[in-house]
Amino acid sequence: MTPEFVTSIGRQTIEVILIISAPVLIVGMVVGLAVSIFQAVTQIQEMTLTFVPKIIAVFLVLLALSGWIMQKMIAFTTEIFTNIPNYIR
């Protein structure tokens, strides 16, 4: 197992992590920005107003994309496990 090979596996892992987490993070960021704009316009500085909408939005995105996320994770894990004999060489 060469250092380049290990780096390649690490790169693939990071790519899968970014692909899986990007939709959730983007929705959280957009909702947070919308709430911040709403707070600035109305001058409401309630702390729960910043967290509750983001938590709900992230939960709904995770619920909606759970099948896709599992599919990506299972495909990556299956690829890693099926190539274990090639990794040993």
N, C-alpha and C. Protein backbone atom coordinates (compact mmCIF):
# COMPACT_ATOMS: atom_id res chain seq x y z
N MET A 1 0.86 -1.17 0.00
CA MET A 1 0.00 0.00 0.00
C MET A 1 0.91 1.24 0.00
N THR A 2 0.84 1.97 -1.06
CA THR A 2 1.70 3.15 -1.20
C THR A 2 1.05 4.37 -0.55
N PRO A 3 1.86 5.37 -0.25
CA PRO A 3 1.27 6.61 0.31
C PRO A 3 0.27 7.27 -0.64
N GLU A 4 0.50 7.16 -1.94
CA GLU A 4 -0.43 7.73 -2.91
C GLU A 4 -1.78 7.03 -2.86
N PHE A 5 -1.72 5.72 -2.66
CA PHE A 5 -2.96 4.93 -2.58
C PHE A 5 -3.78 5.32 -1.35
N VAL A 6 -3.09 5.45 -0.22
CA VAL A 6 -3.77 5.85 1.02
C VAL A 6 -4.35 7.26 0.87
N THR A 7 -3.60 8.14 0.23
CA THR A 7 -4.08 9.50 -0.02
C THR A 7 -5.31 9.48 -0.92
N SER A 8 -5.31 8.58 -1.89
CA SER A 8 -6.46 8.46 -2.79
C SER A 8 -7.72 8.02 -2.04
N ILE A 9 -7.57 7.04 -1.17
CA ILE A 9 -8.71 6.59 -0.37
C ILE A 9 -9.20 7.72 0.54
N GLY A 10 -8.27 8.45 1.15
CA GLY A 10 -8.65 9.58 1.99
C GLY A 10 -9.38 10.66 1.21
N ARG A 11 -8.91 10.93 -0.01
CA ARG A 11 -9.56 11.92 -0.87
C ARG A 11 -10.98 11.49 -1.22
N GLN A 12 -11.14 10.22 -1.58
CA GLN A 12 -12.48 9.71 -1.91
C GLN A 12 -13.41 9.81 -0.70
N THR A 13 -12.88 9.51 0.47
CA THR A 13 -13.68 9.60 1.70
C THR A 13 -14.14 11.04 1.95
N ILE A 14 -13.23 11.97 1.81
CA ILE A 14 -13.58 13.38 2.02
C ILE A 14 -14.59 13.85 0.98
N GLU A 15 -14.46 13.39 -0.27
CA GLU A 15 -15.43 13.75 -1.30
C GLU A 15 -16.82 13.26 -0.95
N VAL A 16 -16.91 12.01 -0.49
CA VAL A 16 -18.22 11.46 -0.11
C VAL A 16 -18.81 12.23 1.06
N ILE A 17 -17.97 12.57 2.04
CA ILE A 17 -18.45 13.34 3.19
C ILE A 17 -18.99 14.70 2.75
N LEU A 18 -18.25 15.37 1.86
CA LEU A 18 -18.70 16.68 1.39
C LEU A 18 -19.98 16.59 0.57
N ILE A 19 -20.08 15.57 -0.27
CA ILE A 19 -21.29 15.41 -1.09
C ILE A 19 -22.50 15.14 -0.21
N ILE A 20 -22.31 14.33 0.82
CA ILE A 20 -23.43 13.98 1.70
C ILE A 20 -23.83 15.17 2.59
N SER A 21 -22.85 15.90 3.08
CA SER A 21 -23.17 16.97 4.04
C SER A 21 -23.53 18.30 3.37
N ALA A 22 -23.19 18.48 2.11
CA ALA A 22 -23.42 19.77 1.46
C ALA A 22 -24.88 20.22 1.46
N PRO A 23 -25.84 19.37 1.08
CA PRO A 23 -27.23 19.85 1.09
C PRO A 23 -27.71 20.30 2.46
N VAL A 24 -27.33 19.56 3.49
CA VAL A 24 -27.77 19.90 4.85
C VAL A 24 -27.13 21.22 5.28
N LEU A 25 -25.85 21.38 5.01
CA LEU A 25 -25.16 22.61 5.41
C LEU A 25 -25.68 23.82 4.63
N ILE A 26 -25.95 23.64 3.36
CA ILE A 26 -26.45 24.75 2.54
C ILE A 26 -27.83 25.19 3.02
N VAL A 27 -28.70 24.24 3.31
CA VAL A 27 -30.03 24.60 3.81
C VAL A 27 -29.92 25.31 5.16
N GLY A 28 -29.07 24.80 6.03
CA GLY A 28 -28.87 25.46 7.32
C GLY A 28 -28.35 26.88 7.17
N MET A 29 -27.43 27.07 6.22
CA MET A 29 -26.88 28.40 5.99
C MET A 29 -27.94 29.36 5.42
N VAL A 30 -28.73 28.87 4.46
CA VAL A 30 -29.76 29.72 3.85
C VAL A 30 -30.82 30.09 4.88
N VAL A 31 -31.26 29.15 5.68
CA VAL A 31 -32.26 29.45 6.71
C VAL A 31 -31.68 30.40 7.74
N GLY A 32 -30.44 30.19 8.14
CA GLY A 32 -29.79 31.10 9.09
C GLY A 32 -29.68 32.51 8.55
N LEU A 33 -29.34 32.63 7.27
CA LEU A 33 -29.25 33.95 6.64
C LEU A 33 -30.62 34.62 6.58
N ALA A 34 -31.64 33.84 6.23
CA ALA A 34 -33.00 34.40 6.16
C ALA A 34 -33.47 34.87 7.54
N VAL A 35 -33.18 34.09 8.56
CA VAL A 35 -33.58 34.47 9.92
C VAL A 35 -32.80 35.71 10.36
N SER A 36 -31.53 35.78 10.01
CA SER A 36 -30.73 36.96 10.37
C SER A 36 -31.26 38.22 9.69
N ILE A 37 -31.62 38.10 8.43
CA ILE A 37 -32.20 39.25 7.72
C ILE A 37 -33.52 39.64 8.36
N PHE A 38 -34.35 38.66 8.69
CA PHE A 38 -35.63 38.94 9.35
C PHE A 38 -35.41 39.65 10.68
N GLN A 39 -34.42 39.18 11.45
CA GLN A 39 -34.14 39.81 12.74
C GLN A 39 -33.62 41.24 12.56
N ALA A 40 -32.81 41.46 11.55
CA ALA A 40 -32.28 42.80 11.32
C ALA A 40 -33.39 43.76 10.88
N VAL A 41 -34.31 43.28 10.07
CA VAL A 41 -35.40 44.13 9.58
C VAL A 41 -36.39 44.46 10.69
N THR A 42 -36.73 43.45 11.48
CA THR A 42 -37.75 43.67 12.52
C THR A 42 -37.15 44.05 13.87
N GLN A 43 -35.86 43.98 14.02
CA GLN A 43 -35.15 44.26 15.26
C GLN A 43 -35.61 43.37 16.41
N ILE A 44 -36.00 42.15 16.07
CA ILE A 44 -36.33 41.14 17.09
C ILE A 44 -35.05 40.37 17.38
N GLN A 45 -34.61 40.37 18.62
CA GLN A 45 -33.36 39.70 18.98
C GLN A 45 -33.63 38.51 19.91
N GLU A 46 -34.54 37.68 19.54
CA GLU A 46 -34.88 36.49 20.33
C GLU A 46 -33.90 35.38 19.98
N MET A 47 -33.26 34.78 20.97
CA MET A 47 -32.24 33.76 20.73
C MET A 47 -32.84 32.48 20.14
N THR A 48 -34.04 32.12 20.58
CA THR A 48 -34.63 30.88 20.06
C THR A 48 -35.02 31.02 18.59
N LEU A 49 -35.22 32.24 18.13
CA LEU A 49 -35.58 32.47 16.73
C LEU A 49 -34.44 32.09 15.80
N THR A 50 -33.21 32.12 16.29
CA THR A 50 -32.09 31.75 15.43
C THR A 50 -31.91 30.25 15.33
N PHE A 51 -32.24 29.52 16.37
CA PHE A 51 -31.95 28.09 16.39
C PHE A 51 -33.10 27.20 15.91
N VAL A 52 -34.30 27.50 16.32
CA VAL A 52 -35.43 26.63 16.03
C VAL A 52 -35.68 26.46 14.52
N PRO A 53 -35.71 27.52 13.72
CA PRO A 53 -35.92 27.32 12.28
C PRO A 53 -34.80 26.51 11.62
N LYS A 54 -33.56 26.75 12.05
CA LYS A 54 -32.45 25.98 11.48
C LYS A 54 -32.55 24.50 11.84
N ILE A 55 -32.89 24.22 13.08
CA ILE A 55 -33.02 22.82 13.51
C ILE A 55 -34.13 22.13 12.73
N ILE A 56 -35.25 22.80 12.57
CA ILE A 56 -36.37 22.22 11.83
C ILE A 56 -36.00 22.01 10.36
N ALA A 57 -35.36 22.99 9.75
CA ALA A 57 -34.98 22.87 8.33
C ALA A 57 -33.98 21.75 8.12
N VAL A 58 -32.97 21.66 8.99
CA VAL A 58 -31.97 20.59 8.86
C VAL A 58 -32.62 19.23 9.08
N PHE A 59 -33.52 19.12 10.05
CA PHE A 59 -34.21 17.86 10.28
C PHE A 59 -35.03 17.45 9.06
N LEU A 60 -35.74 18.41 8.45
CA LEU A 60 -36.55 18.08 7.27
C LEU A 60 -35.68 17.67 6.08
N VAL A 61 -34.54 18.32 5.91
CA VAL A 61 -33.63 17.94 4.82
C VAL A 61 -33.06 16.55 5.07
N LEU A 62 -32.66 16.27 6.30
CA LEU A 62 -32.16 14.93 6.62
C LEU A 62 -33.24 13.87 6.41
N LEU A 63 -34.46 14.20 6.76
CA LEU A 63 -35.56 13.27 6.57
C LEU A 63 -35.82 13.03 5.08
N ALA A 64 -35.79 14.10 4.30
CA ALA A 64 -36.06 13.98 2.86
C ALA A 64 -34.93 13.27 2.12
N LEU A 65 -33.70 13.49 2.53
CA LEU A 65 -32.56 12.93 1.81
C LEU A 65 -31.95 11.69 2.46
N SER A 66 -32.61 11.15 3.46
CA SER A 66 -32.02 10.01 4.17
C SER A 66 -31.79 8.81 3.25
N GLY A 67 -32.69 8.55 2.33
CA GLY A 67 -32.50 7.44 1.41
C GLY A 67 -31.30 7.64 0.50
N TRP A 68 -31.15 8.85 -0.02
CA TRP A 68 -30.02 9.18 -0.89
C TRP A 68 -28.70 9.11 -0.12
N ILE A 69 -28.71 9.62 1.12
CA ILE A 69 -27.51 9.60 1.94
C ILE A 69 -27.10 8.15 2.22
N MET A 70 -28.07 7.32 2.59
CA MET A 70 -27.75 5.91 2.85
C MET A 70 -27.24 5.21 1.59
N GLN A 71 -27.83 5.52 0.46
CA GLN A 71 -27.38 4.92 -0.81
C GLN A 71 -25.92 5.28 -1.08
N LYS A 72 -25.55 6.54 -0.91
CA LYS A 72 -24.17 6.98 -1.13
C LYS A 72 -23.22 6.30 -0.15
N MET A 73 -23.61 6.22 1.11
CA MET A 73 -22.75 5.62 2.12
C MET A 73 -22.58 4.13 1.89
N ILE A 74 -23.66 3.44 1.54
CA ILE A 74 -23.59 2.00 1.29
C ILE A 74 -22.74 1.72 0.05
N ALA A 75 -22.89 2.55 -0.99
CA ALA A 75 -22.09 2.35 -2.21
C ALA A 75 -20.61 2.53 -1.91
N PHE A 76 -20.26 3.55 -1.14
CA PHE A 76 -18.85 3.78 -0.81
C PHE A 76 -18.30 2.66 0.06
N THR A 77 -19.06 2.25 1.07
CA THR A 77 -18.61 1.18 1.95
C THR A 77 -18.47 -0.13 1.19
N THR A 78 -19.41 -0.43 0.31
CA THR A 78 -19.33 -1.64 -0.50
C THR A 78 -18.10 -1.62 -1.40
N GLU A 79 -17.82 -0.47 -1.98
CA GLU A 79 -16.62 -0.34 -2.83
C GLU A 79 -15.35 -0.59 -2.03
N ILE A 80 -15.28 -0.03 -0.83
CA ILE A 80 -14.09 -0.22 0.02
C ILE A 80 -13.95 -1.69 0.40
N PHE A 81 -15.04 -2.33 0.83
CA PHE A 81 -14.97 -3.72 1.27
C PHE A 81 -14.67 -4.68 0.12
N THR A 82 -15.24 -4.45 -1.05
CA THR A 82 -14.99 -5.36 -2.17
C THR A 82 -13.58 -5.23 -2.71
N ASN A 83 -12.94 -4.10 -2.48
CA ASN A 83 -11.58 -3.90 -2.98
C ASN A 83 -10.50 -4.18 -1.94
N ILE A 84 -10.87 -4.75 -0.80
CA ILE A 84 -9.88 -5.07 0.23
C ILE A 84 -8.78 -5.99 -0.31
N PRO A 85 -9.10 -7.02 -1.09
CA PRO A 85 -8.00 -7.84 -1.64
C PRO A 85 -7.04 -7.05 -2.52
N ASN A 86 -7.54 -6.07 -3.24
CA ASN A 86 -6.66 -5.23 -4.07
C ASN A 86 -5.81 -4.30 -3.21
N TYR A 87 -6.32 -3.91 -2.06
CA TYR A 87 -5.59 -3.01 -1.19
C TYR A 87 -4.41 -3.70 -0.53
N ILE A 88 -4.53 -5.00 -0.28
CA ILE A 88 -3.50 -5.75 0.42
C ILE A 88 -2.25 -5.94 -0.46
N ARG A 89 -2.44 -6.00 -1.74
CA ARG A 89 -1.31 -6.25 -2.64
C ARG A 89 -0.25 -5.21 -2.55
